[in-house]
Amino acid sequence: MSFISTIKGSELDILRKIVKKVNFKHHPKEFVTDYEADKLIDSLAPATVARLLRVGRDSGIADK
């Protein structure tokens, strides 16, 4: 069972936005897909994902 399947849908959407905006900003547009973002999120530790969610909400990235 993958870690990403334990994340709620709304939180996954926020994480995808953050990963696409921050981690993939220098990648070609064809590479920036939900599938690629999910692969990166799945490779992160749960504590890192929790921190990304908190920072994303606090900084307003999730609202954009």
Protein backbone atom coordinates (compact mmCIF):
# COMPACT_ATOMS: atom_id res chain seq x y z
CA MET A 1 0.00 0.00 0.00
CA SER A 2 1.41 3.32 -0.99
CA PHE A 3 1.58 6.29 1.36
CA ILE A 4 -0.31 8.52 -1.06
CA SER A 5 -3.47 6.41 -0.69
CA THR A 6 -3.73 7.47 2.96
CA ILE A 7 -3.94 11.20 2.11
CA LYS A 8 -7.35 12.87 1.83
CA GLY A 9 -8.39 14.15 -1.60
CA SER A 10 -8.38 17.82 -0.62
CA GLU A 11 -4.93 17.49 0.95
CA LEU A 12 -3.64 15.70 -2.14
CA ASP A 13 -4.85 18.57 -4.33
CA ILE A 14 -2.99 21.05 -2.12
CA LEU A 15 0.17 18.94 -2.19
CA ARG A 16 0.00 18.64 -5.98
CA LYS A 17 -0.24 22.43 -6.33
CA ILE A 18 2.73 22.93 -4.03
CA VAL A 19 4.89 20.30 -5.73
CA LYS A 20 4.06 21.59 -9.21
CA LYS A 21 4.75 25.20 -8.25
CA VAL A 22 7.89 24.67 -6.15
CA ASN A 23 9.57 21.43 -7.16
CA PHE A 24 8.73 21.37 -10.86
CA LYS A 25 9.11 25.06 -11.74
CA HIS A 26 12.15 24.41 -13.94
CA HIS A 27 10.79 21.32 -15.67
CA PRO A 28 9.12 21.30 -19.08
CA LYS A 29 5.34 21.71 -19.03
CA GLU A 30 4.87 18.19 -20.45
CA PHE A 31 6.54 16.78 -17.35
CA VAL A 32 4.38 18.64 -14.84
CA THR A 33 1.48 16.21 -14.46
CA ASP A 34 -0.52 14.90 -11.52
CA TYR A 35 1.13 11.52 -12.01
CA GLU A 36 4.64 12.96 -11.67
CA ALA A 37 3.59 15.06 -8.67
CA ASP A 38 2.08 11.96 -7.05
CA LYS A 39 5.32 10.04 -7.57
CA LEU A 40 7.28 12.79 -5.81
CA ILE A 41 4.76 13.05 -2.96
CA ASP A 42 4.84 9.28 -2.50
CA SER A 43 8.63 9.37 -2.15
CA LEU A 44 8.50 11.88 0.73
CA ALA A 45 8.37 10.95 4.40
CA PRO A 46 5.02 11.48 6.17
CA ALA A 47 6.55 14.19 8.39
CA THR A 48 7.73 16.06 5.29
CA VAL A 49 4.28 15.83 3.73
CA ALA A 50 2.70 17.21 6.90
CA ARG A 51 5.16 20.10 6.88
CA LEU A 52 4.48 20.81 3.18
CA LEU A 53 0.74 20.94 3.87
CA ARG A 54 1.20 23.30 6.80
CA VAL A 55 3.54 25.63 4.91
CA GLY A 56 1.34 25.54 1.81
CA ARG A 57 -1.73 26.54 3.78
CA ASP A 58 0.08 29.20 5.82
CA SER A 59 1.76 30.80 2.80
CA GLY A 60 -1.38 30.81 0.68
CA ILE A 61 -0.06 28.56 -2.10
CA ALA A 62 -3.03 26.27 -1.55
CA ASP A 63 -5.47 29.11 -2.27
CA LYS A 64 -4.03 30.01 -5.67
